[in-house]
Amino acid sequence: MNWKEEWKKLAWIVGIFLAFFYLPVGRERFDNAIMESLHLAKWYAQEHVLLCLIPAFFIAGAIAVFVSQGSVMKYLGAKANKILAYGVAAVSGTILAVCSCTVLPLFSGIYRMGAGLGPASAFLYSGPAINILAIVMTARVLGIELGIARAVGAILFSIVIGVLMHLIFIREEKQKAAAQMLLPEEEVKRPLWQNALYFVSMVGILVFANWGKPQETTGLWASIYATKWIVSALFAAALGVMLVIWFEVKWWKVGLTALPTVALATVFPEQPMVAFATAVIGLSWFTSLDKGETGEWFSSSWGFAKQIMPLLLIGVLVAGALLGRVGHEGLIPSEWIANLVGGNSLRANFVASFAGAFMYFATLTEVPILQGLIANGMGKGPALALLLAGPALSLPSMLVIRSVLGTKKTVVFVSLVIVMATFSGMIFGGIFEMMEWWNR
């Protein structure tokens, strides 16, 4: 008998027993935290899994199957033109407008296909951080100075973080570049413009299906919101046509998916999720049964889903238990954080950055949260720090990033975001205080 192993098992049994023995069930804050974790998980499942993550999984799977490794390495690889690579990665968020969790499958896809660590890290940060609608909403609700500072800071952050990640792990990047030089040239099955239109259709579905409702009832953003499902349907129809013509999917399979989708959209116009779910099921059905490249597309997408979804669920449950939802308490009282982010001290900016990095922010929700915190005395500097760290990171996203990059690179990436957000907040807060003093 291996007594060392038996003692380990006994230690686990005793530890689990003591955890349950002293479980604070019945205490209001603990019970409320458990309910908050379940509420957040339910909300996440209803609002983000179907509309955000599933399209992102299909896009990530398509990157792995239909985009040649040579193309990724040419534009984002370790040997790619640095200005082009970081430029593309830094402005990607203006197109995608996704949250910190939705960007993960896309990041994982391009990184595994050969993108350099620097450009991939820039993309990982910029995807959720640089969101035109969120920046406009920030300027309208929180002030033009915060809106401009957020836009400029997010773009610079993505580039600086990407460059620093590349330099810190430059030895591994050089080895990766050397290995990429030995890869044979891949045969291209279809022209670049066809693949580009194919991805545009899927990104269009992702962006417009998740278009957030603006505060105003008139104007450009309100008009786009009013027609979001029509535009999403047009992109979906274009995707179906391309699958038939360019990817050799049988027309009747696409038709069997389109007919019930259109019928349900007509019968239940107020419940577009029903039609959207039907389309997803249909697409999954005919791609999973295919033996060719569309079958590989589904298989790759399913692989990303299996890797990412469990980690996101665990992260959402933990984040909900610790921090609760907007306007609701978790284990950590919200007043603790509110009391720590007043003024423009190093501590206030660090707490705002650190707390923001671990909280989960859906797209646009950071603005009303900050509005409430500022009303309770939060300084302008910590507000910017939270805006730069919060939307780009969350506890669920950290778990997934670790599964892709490993512990060391994840810790460095998260630390860079928190440190840079902290000092950016201090600088902005100092400038804002100086301007207020000057105007007196």
Protein backbone atom coordinates (compact mmCIF):
# COMPACT_ATOMS: atom_id res chain seq x y z
CA MET A 1 0.00 0.00 0.00
CA ASN A 2 1.26 3.46 -0.99
CA TRP A 3 0.77 5.37 2.27
CA LYS A 4 1.70 8.70 0.70
CA GLU A 5 -1.18 8.43 -1.78
CA GLU A 6 -3.55 7.23 0.93
CA TRP A 7 -2.70 10.21 3.13
CA LYS A 8 -3.44 12.52 0.19
CA LYS A 9 -6.84 10.92 -0.27
CA LEU A 10 -7.54 11.22 3.47
CA ALA A 11 -6.52 14.90 3.40
CA TRP A 12 -8.95 15.54 0.52
CA ILE A 13 -11.77 13.74 2.34
CA VAL A 14 -11.15 15.63 5.58
CA GLY A 15 -10.85 18.95 3.73
CA ILE A 16 -14.13 18.46 1.86
CA PHE A 17 -15.86 17.32 5.06
CA LEU A 18 -14.68 20.41 6.98
CA ALA A 19 -15.71 22.70 4.10
CA PHE A 20 -19.26 21.34 4.23
CA PHE A 21 -19.27 21.17 8.03
CA TYR A 22 -18.54 24.89 8.34
CA LEU A 23 -20.47 25.94 5.24
CA PRO A 24 -22.18 29.25 6.18
CA VAL A 25 -25.55 28.21 4.78
CA GLY A 26 -28.31 30.30 6.32
CA ARG A 27 -26.27 33.48 6.56
CA GLU A 28 -27.91 36.14 4.43
CA ARG A 29 -24.79 37.31 2.55
CA PHE A 30 -23.65 33.77 1.70
CA ASP A 31 -27.10 32.63 0.56
CA ASN A 32 -27.50 35.82 -1.47
CA ALA A 33 -24.08 35.30 -3.08
CA ILE A 34 -25.06 31.79 -4.19
CA MET A 35 -28.28 33.14 -5.71
CA GLU A 36 -26.35 35.96 -7.40
CA SER A 37 -23.98 33.46 -9.03
CA LEU A 38 -26.97 31.55 -10.40
CA HIS A 39 -28.73 34.75 -11.51
CA LEU A 40 -25.61 35.90 -13.35
CA ALA A 41 -25.16 32.49 -14.98
CA LYS A 42 -28.82 32.52 -16.09
CA TRP A 43 -28.52 36.05 -17.47
CA TYR A 44 -25.27 35.11 -19.24
CA ALA A 45 -26.89 32.06 -20.80
CA GLN A 46 -29.90 34.05 -22.00
CA GLU A 47 -28.07 37.11 -23.30
CA HIS A 48 -24.66 35.92 -24.47
CA VAL A 49 -24.33 32.24 -25.24
CA LEU A 50 -26.69 32.02 -28.22
CA LEU A 51 -26.14 35.46 -29.75
CA CYS A 52 -22.46 36.04 -28.88
CA LEU A 53 -20.55 32.86 -28.20
CA ILE A 54 -22.06 30.48 -30.75
CA PRO A 55 -21.43 32.83 -33.72
CA ALA A 56 -17.94 33.44 -32.31
CA PHE A 57 -17.30 29.69 -32.14
CA PHE A 58 -18.35 29.28 -35.78
CA ILE A 59 -16.08 32.19 -36.81
CA ALA A 60 -13.16 30.72 -34.83
CA GLY A 61 -13.78 27.32 -36.41
CA ALA A 62 -13.85 28.92 -39.84
CA ILE A 63 -10.53 30.65 -39.16
CA ALA A 64 -8.98 27.28 -38.29
CA VAL A 65 -10.34 25.52 -41.39
CA PHE A 66 -10.77 28.06 -44.20
CA VAL A 67 -8.01 30.60 -43.50
CA SER A 68 -4.61 29.33 -44.52
CA GLN A 69 -1.92 29.35 -41.88
CA GLY A 70 0.25 31.21 -44.35
CA SER A 71 -2.24 34.06 -44.55
CA VAL A 72 -2.42 34.45 -40.77
CA MET A 73 1.36 34.39 -40.49
CA LYS A 74 1.71 36.86 -43.37
CA TYR A 75 -0.40 39.53 -41.67
CA LEU A 76 -0.23 38.65 -37.94
CA GLY A 77 2.67 36.22 -37.58
CA ALA A 78 5.92 36.75 -35.73
CA LYS A 79 7.64 37.80 -38.99
CA ALA A 80 4.78 39.97 -40.28
CA ASN A 81 5.09 43.71 -40.92
CA LYS A 82 4.78 45.11 -37.41
CA ILE A 83 2.91 48.29 -38.37
CA LEU A 84 0.34 46.31 -40.37
CA ALA A 85 0.01 43.54 -37.75
CA TYR A 86 -0.50 45.82 -34.75
CA GLY A 87 -2.60 48.25 -36.76
CA VAL A 88 -5.06 45.52 -37.80
CA ALA A 89 -5.20 44.09 -34.27
CA ALA A 90 -5.57 47.46 -32.55
CA VAL A 91 -8.63 48.65 -34.49
CA SER A 92 -10.44 45.32 -34.66
CA GLY A 93 -12.71 46.26 -31.77
CA THR A 94 -14.30 49.05 -33.78
CA ILE A 95 -15.68 46.35 -36.08
CA LEU A 96 -16.38 43.49 -33.68
CA ALA A 97 -17.90 45.31 -30.68
CA VAL A 98 -17.78 42.15 -28.55
CA CYS A 99 -17.35 41.50 -24.83
CA SER A 100 -14.30 40.02 -23.12
CA CYS A 101 -15.68 36.49 -23.39
CA THR A 102 -16.91 36.63 -27.00
CA VAL A 103 -13.47 37.66 -28.27
CA LEU A 104 -11.86 34.54 -26.77
CA PRO A 105 -12.75 32.01 -29.50
CA LEU A 106 -11.56 34.47 -32.16
CA PHE A 107 -8.31 35.11 -30.28
CA SER A 108 -7.77 31.39 -29.77
CA GLY A 109 -8.37 30.75 -33.46
CA ILE A 110 -5.85 33.25 -34.82
CA TYR A 111 -3.24 32.39 -32.18
CA ARG A 112 -3.36 28.69 -32.94
CA MET A 113 -3.15 29.43 -36.65
CA GLY A 114 0.21 31.14 -36.21
CA ALA A 115 -0.43 34.74 -35.16
CA GLY A 116 2.42 36.25 -33.17
CA LEU A 117 1.94 36.71 -29.43
CA GLY A 118 2.17 40.50 -29.76
CA PRO A 119 -0.53 41.01 -32.43
CA ALA A 120 -2.70 38.30 -30.84
CA SER A 121 -2.46 40.06 -27.45
CA ALA A 122 -3.29 43.40 -29.07
CA PHE A 123 -6.35 41.79 -30.67
CA LEU A 124 -7.33 40.16 -27.37
CA TYR A 125 -7.33 43.53 -25.62
CA SER A 126 -8.78 45.66 -28.41
CA GLY A 127 -11.69 43.36 -29.30
CA PRO A 128 -13.83 44.26 -26.27
CA ALA A 129 -12.09 47.54 -25.35
CA ILE A 130 -12.48 49.56 -28.57
CA ASN A 131 -16.20 49.65 -29.19
CA ILE A 132 -17.54 52.67 -31.09
CA LEU A 133 -21.00 52.52 -29.54
CA ALA A 134 -19.59 52.10 -26.02
CA ILE A 135 -17.17 55.00 -26.51
CA VAL A 136 -19.94 57.26 -27.83
CA MET A 137 -22.17 56.22 -24.92
CA THR A 138 -19.32 56.94 -22.49
CA ALA A 139 -18.90 60.44 -23.91
CA ARG A 140 -22.64 61.16 -23.81
CA VAL A 141 -23.29 59.82 -20.30
CA LEU A 142 -20.01 60.28 -18.43
CA GLY A 143 -18.57 63.28 -20.23
CA ILE A 144 -16.69 64.02 -23.44
CA GLU A 145 -13.31 63.96 -21.67
CA LEU A 146 -13.81 60.37 -20.44
CA GLY A 147 -15.06 59.29 -23.87
CA ILE A 148 -11.97 60.70 -25.64
CA ALA A 149 -9.60 59.37 -22.97
CA ARG A 150 -11.18 55.91 -23.26
CA ALA A 151 -10.87 55.84 -27.06
CA VAL A 152 -7.26 57.05 -27.15
CA GLY A 153 -6.23 54.95 -24.15
CA ALA A 154 -7.74 51.73 -25.50
CA ILE A 155 -6.01 52.02 -28.89
CA LEU A 156 -2.65 52.86 -27.31
CA PHE A 157 -3.10 50.12 -24.70
CA SER A 158 -3.65 47.43 -27.29
CA ILE A 159 -0.48 48.36 -29.17
CA VAL A 160 1.71 48.84 -26.09
CA ILE A 161 0.49 45.63 -24.43
CA GLY A 162 1.05 43.70 -27.65
CA VAL A 163 4.58 45.07 -28.07
CA LEU A 164 5.46 44.39 -24.42
CA MET A 165 4.13 40.83 -24.60
CA HIS A 166 6.28 40.29 -27.69
CA LEU A 167 9.40 41.73 -26.02
CA ILE A 168 8.93 39.88 -22.72
CA PHE A 169 8.59 36.53 -24.50
CA ILE A 170 10.82 37.38 -27.45
CA ARG A 171 12.87 34.17 -27.17
CA GLU A 172 9.75 32.04 -27.66
CA GLU A 173 8.60 34.34 -30.46
CA LYS A 174 11.91 33.91 -32.29
CA GLN A 175 11.63 30.13 -32.00
CA LYS A 176 8.06 30.30 -33.28
CA ALA A 177 9.11 32.46 -36.24
CA ALA A 178 11.94 30.06 -37.09
CA ALA A 179 9.54 27.11 -37.03
CA GLN A 180 7.08 28.98 -39.26
CA MET A 181 9.79 29.53 -41.88
CA LEU A 182 10.00 25.75 -42.35
CA LEU A 183 6.29 25.28 -43.03
CA PRO A 184 5.42 24.39 -46.63
CA GLU A 185 3.29 26.71 -48.77
CA GLU A 186 -0.39 25.80 -48.43
CA GLU A 187 -2.63 25.24 -51.41
CA VAL A 188 -5.41 27.84 -51.65
CA LYS A 189 -8.77 26.31 -52.56
CA ARG A 190 -10.69 29.54 -53.21
CA PRO A 191 -9.69 33.17 -53.82
CA LEU A 192 -9.19 35.59 -50.96
CA TRP A 193 -12.20 37.74 -51.83
CA GLN A 194 -14.56 34.77 -51.44
CA ASN A 195 -13.20 33.91 -48.00
CA ALA A 196 -13.34 37.60 -47.08
CA LEU A 197 -17.05 37.89 -47.98
CA TYR A 198 -17.74 34.64 -46.12
CA PHE A 199 -16.20 36.05 -42.94
CA VAL A 200 -17.90 39.42 -43.43
CA SER A 201 -21.28 37.65 -43.43
CA MET A 202 -20.55 35.88 -40.13
CA VAL A 203 -19.06 38.95 -38.47
CA GLY A 204 -22.11 40.92 -39.67
CA ILE A 205 -24.41 38.44 -37.93
CA LEU A 206 -22.34 38.62 -34.74
CA VAL A 207 -22.22 42.43 -34.68
CA PHE A 208 -25.82 43.27 -35.58
CA ALA A 209 -27.50 40.48 -33.61
CA ASN A 210 -25.76 41.87 -30.51
CA TRP A 211 -26.32 45.55 -31.27
CA GLY A 212 -27.14 47.16 -27.93
CA LYS A 213 -30.17 49.37 -27.40
CA PRO A 214 -29.10 53.06 -27.19
CA GLN A 215 -30.56 55.48 -24.71
CA GLU A 216 -31.90 57.76 -27.46
CA THR A 217 -34.98 56.78 -29.46
CA THR A 218 -33.90 58.73 -32.56
CA GLY A 219 -30.68 59.11 -34.51
CA LEU A 220 -28.26 56.77 -36.26
CA TRP A 221 -27.73 54.28 -33.43
CA ALA A 222 -31.47 54.00 -32.77
CA SER A 223 -32.14 53.45 -36.49
CA ILE A 224 -29.56 50.67 -36.64
CA TYR A 225 -31.02 49.07 -33.52
CA ALA A 226 -34.53 49.15 -35.02
CA THR A 227 -33.35 47.26 -38.11
CA LYS A 228 -30.74 44.99 -36.45
CA TRP A 229 -32.65 41.76 -37.06
CA ILE A 230 -33.39 42.62 -40.68
CA VAL A 231 -29.71 43.33 -41.30
CA SER A 232 -28.73 40.15 -39.43
CA ALA A 233 -31.16 38.16 -41.60
CA LEU A 234 -29.63 39.63 -44.78
CA PHE A 235 -26.15 38.61 -43.65
CA ALA A 236 -27.47 35.11 -42.79
CA ALA A 237 -29.08 34.81 -46.24
CA ALA A 238 -25.80 35.86 -47.86
CA LEU A 239 -23.98 33.22 -45.80
CA GLY A 240 -26.43 30.55 -46.98
CA VAL A 241 -25.96 31.50 -50.64
CA MET A 242 -22.16 31.40 -50.28
CA LEU A 243 -22.28 27.99 -48.60
CA VAL A 244 -24.22 26.61 -51.56
CA ILE A 245 -22.20 28.27 -54.35
CA TRP A 246 -18.66 28.30 -52.99
CA PHE A 247 -18.64 25.56 -50.34
CA GLU A 248 -20.74 23.01 -52.24
CA VAL A 249 -23.35 22.53 -49.52
CA LYS A 250 -26.53 20.95 -50.92
CA TRP A 251 -29.11 23.67 -51.58
CA TRP A 252 -31.91 21.63 -50.00
CA LYS A 253 -30.02 21.44 -46.68
CA VAL A 254 -29.73 25.22 -46.56
CA GLY A 255 -33.38 25.42 -47.60
CA LEU A 256 -34.50 23.10 -44.80
CA THR A 257 -32.76 25.44 -42.38
CA ALA A 258 -34.02 28.67 -43.96
CA LEU A 259 -37.73 27.72 -44.25
CA PRO A 260 -38.49 27.12 -40.55
CA THR A 261 -36.27 30.07 -39.60
CA VAL A 262 -38.22 32.46 -41.83
CA ALA A 263 -41.54 30.95 -40.72
CA LEU A 264 -40.75 31.37 -37.02
CA ALA A 265 -39.45 34.91 -37.59
CA THR A 266 -42.77 35.72 -39.27
CA VAL A 267 -44.97 34.05 -36.66
CA PHE A 268 -42.98 35.29 -33.64
CA PRO A 269 -41.59 38.68 -34.72
CA GLU A 270 -41.28 39.79 -31.08
CA GLN A 271 -39.14 36.76 -30.20
CA PRO A 272 -36.26 36.80 -32.70
CA MET A 273 -34.23 34.44 -30.49
CA VAL A 274 -36.54 31.59 -31.53
CA ALA A 275 -35.70 32.05 -35.20
CA PHE A 276 -32.02 32.63 -34.42
CA ALA A 277 -31.83 29.38 -32.41
CA THR A 278 -33.53 27.51 -35.26
CA ALA A 279 -30.95 28.82 -37.72
CA VAL A 280 -28.09 27.78 -35.41
CA ILE A 281 -29.53 24.28 -35.00
CA GLY A 282 -29.98 23.95 -38.75
CA LEU A 283 -26.46 25.14 -39.51
CA SER A 284 -25.06 22.75 -36.91
CA TRP A 285 -27.12 19.90 -38.36
CA PHE A 286 -26.01 20.05 -41.97
CA THR A 287 -22.38 20.97 -41.25
CA SER A 288 -21.93 18.22 -38.64
CA LEU A 289 -23.12 15.57 -41.11
CA ASP A 290 -20.86 16.72 -43.92
CA LYS A 291 -17.69 14.72 -44.58
CA GLY A 292 -15.86 17.54 -46.33
CA GLU A 293 -14.52 20.92 -45.26
CA THR A 294 -17.82 22.17 -43.81
CA GLY A 295 -17.76 19.08 -41.57
CA GLU A 296 -14.27 20.12 -40.46
CA TRP A 297 -15.69 23.60 -39.84
CA PHE A 298 -18.29 22.25 -37.42
CA SER A 299 -15.77 19.94 -35.76
CA SER A 300 -13.33 22.80 -35.19
CA SER A 301 -16.10 25.06 -33.85
CA TRP A 302 -17.26 22.32 -31.51
CA GLY A 303 -13.68 21.90 -30.29
CA PHE A 304 -13.51 25.56 -29.31
CA ALA A 305 -16.90 25.28 -27.57
CA LYS A 306 -15.79 22.27 -25.52
CA GLN A 307 -12.62 24.03 -24.42
CA ILE A 308 -14.06 27.46 -23.64
CA MET A 309 -17.65 27.02 -22.42
CA PRO A 310 -16.95 25.06 -19.18
CA LEU A 311 -14.28 27.57 -18.12
CA LEU A 312 -16.57 30.50 -18.85
CA LEU A 313 -19.38 28.90 -16.82
CA ILE A 314 -17.09 28.37 -13.82
CA GLY A 315 -15.80 31.91 -14.11
CA VAL A 316 -19.27 33.45 -14.34
CA LEU A 317 -20.45 31.50 -11.28
CA VAL A 318 -17.43 32.59 -9.22
CA ALA A 319 -17.66 36.21 -10.40
CA GLY A 320 -21.37 36.29 -9.57
CA ALA A 321 -20.79 34.88 -6.09
CA LEU A 322 -17.98 37.33 -5.29
CA LEU A 323 -19.23 40.53 -6.91
CA GLY A 324 -22.91 39.95 -7.73
CA ARG A 325 -24.74 41.69 -10.56
CA VAL A 326 -25.33 45.36 -11.26
CA GLY A 327 -27.27 46.70 -8.29
CA HIS A 328 -27.00 43.44 -6.33
CA GLU A 329 -24.58 42.30 -3.64
CA GLY A 330 -22.19 39.35 -3.72
CA LEU A 331 -19.81 38.15 -1.00
CA ILE A 332 -17.74 41.34 -1.41
CA PRO A 333 -19.86 44.35 -0.37
CA SER A 334 -20.08 46.94 -3.15
CA GLU A 335 -19.58 49.76 -0.64
CA TRP A 336 -16.08 48.43 0.07
CA ILE A 337 -15.12 49.08 -3.53
CA ALA A 338 -17.03 52.38 -3.67
CA ASN A 339 -15.19 53.64 -0.58
CA LEU A 340 -11.82 52.72 -2.05
CA VAL A 341 -12.14 54.47 -5.43
CA GLY A 342 -12.70 58.07 -4.31
CA GLY A 343 -10.12 60.70 -5.21
CA ASN A 344 -7.13 60.06 -7.45
CA SER A 345 -4.66 58.21 -5.26
CA LEU A 346 -2.55 55.26 -6.37
CA ARG A 347 -4.72 53.01 -4.20
CA ALA A 348 -7.97 54.28 -5.72
CA ASN A 349 -6.76 53.76 -9.29
CA PHE A 350 -5.30 50.34 -8.52
CA VAL A 351 -8.48 49.15 -6.79
CA ALA A 352 -10.57 50.36 -9.76
CA SER A 353 -8.26 48.58 -12.24
CA PHE A 354 -8.00 45.39 -10.19
CA ALA A 355 -11.73 45.14 -9.43
CA GLY A 356 -12.63 45.99 -13.03
CA ALA A 357 -10.28 43.32 -14.36
CA PHE A 358 -12.03 40.58 -12.36
CA MET A 359 -15.63 41.76 -12.81
CA TYR A 360 -17.65 40.65 -15.82
CA PHE A 361 -18.94 43.51 -17.98
CA ALA A 362 -21.28 42.78 -20.85
CA THR A 363 -20.98 45.24 -23.73
CA LEU A 364 -22.18 48.73 -22.67
CA THR A 365 -22.99 47.75 -19.05
CA GLU A 366 -19.82 49.39 -17.75
CA VAL A 367 -21.30 52.85 -18.45
CA PRO A 368 -24.31 52.70 -16.08
CA ILE A 369 -22.15 50.96 -13.46
CA LEU A 370 -19.64 53.80 -13.59
CA GLN A 371 -22.42 56.36 -13.59
CA GLY A 372 -23.57 55.01 -10.22
CA LEU A 373 -20.03 54.82 -8.82
CA ILE A 374 -19.21 58.39 -9.89
CA ALA A 375 -22.44 59.57 -8.26
CA ASN A 376 -21.18 57.92 -5.04
CA GLY A 377 -17.86 59.76 -5.13
CA MET A 378 -15.64 57.81 -7.56
CA GLY A 379 -12.85 59.97 -9.00
CA LYS A 380 -12.39 60.60 -12.72
CA GLY A 381 -9.02 58.86 -12.72
CA PRO A 382 -10.29 55.58 -11.21
CA ALA A 383 -13.29 55.80 -13.58
CA LEU A 384 -10.94 55.77 -16.59
CA ALA A 385 -8.84 53.02 -14.99
CA LEU A 386 -11.95 50.84 -14.67
CA LEU A 387 -13.00 51.64 -18.26
CA LEU A 388 -9.59 50.56 -19.57
CA ALA A 389 -9.28 47.38 -17.49
CA GLY A 390 -12.90 46.25 -17.01
CA PRO A 391 -14.37 45.58 -20.47
CA ALA A 392 -11.15 43.95 -21.73
CA LEU A 393 -10.82 41.40 -18.91
CA SER A 394 -12.94 39.34 -16.55
CA LEU A 395 -12.40 36.34 -14.30
CA PRO A 396 -14.10 34.00 -16.83
CA SER A 397 -11.91 35.31 -19.67
CA MET A 398 -8.74 34.87 -17.58
CA LEU A 399 -9.48 31.17 -17.14
CA VAL A 400 -9.82 30.72 -20.89
CA ILE A 401 -6.75 32.83 -21.72
CA ARG A 402 -4.73 30.62 -19.37
CA SER A 403 -5.87 27.50 -21.26
CA VAL A 404 -4.57 29.06 -24.50
CA LEU A 405 -1.43 30.94 -23.42
CA GLY A 406 -0.46 29.19 -20.21
CA THR A 407 -0.17 30.57 -16.69
CA LYS A 408 2.94 32.72 -17.13
CA LYS A 409 1.77 34.63 -20.22
CA THR A 410 -1.71 35.08 -18.73
CA VAL A 411 -0.32 36.56 -15.51
CA VAL A 412 1.89 38.94 -17.50
CA PHE A 413 -1.00 40.00 -19.78
CA VAL A 414 -3.38 40.64 -16.87
CA SER A 415 -0.68 42.46 -14.89
CA LEU A 416 0.12 44.73 -17.85
CA VAL A 417 -3.54 45.67 -18.23
CA ILE A 418 -3.96 46.42 -14.51
CA VAL A 419 -0.68 48.36 -14.13
CA MET A 420 -1.19 50.43 -17.28
CA ALA A 421 -4.82 51.17 -16.38
CA THR A 422 -3.73 52.25 -12.90
CA PHE A 423 -1.14 54.76 -14.09
CA SER A 424 -3.34 55.98 -16.95
CA GLY A 425 -6.06 56.70 -14.42
CA MET A 426 -3.63 58.62 -12.20
CA ILE A 427 -2.39 60.72 -15.12
CA PHE A 428 -5.91 61.45 -16.37
CA GLY A 429 -7.16 62.21 -12.87
CA GLY A 430 -4.25 64.58 -12.28
CA ILE A 431 -4.92 66.42 -15.55
CA PHE A 432 -8.64 66.64 -14.76
CA GLU A 433 -7.97 68.03 -11.27
CA MET A 434 -5.54 70.58 -12.72
CA MET A 435 -8.16 71.70 -15.28
CA GLU A 436 -10.77 72.07 -12.56
CA TRP A 437 -8.34 74.13 -10.46
CA TRP A 438 -7.50 76.32 -13.46
CA ASN A 439 -11.18 77.00 -14.23
CA ARG A 440 -11.99 78.13 -10.69
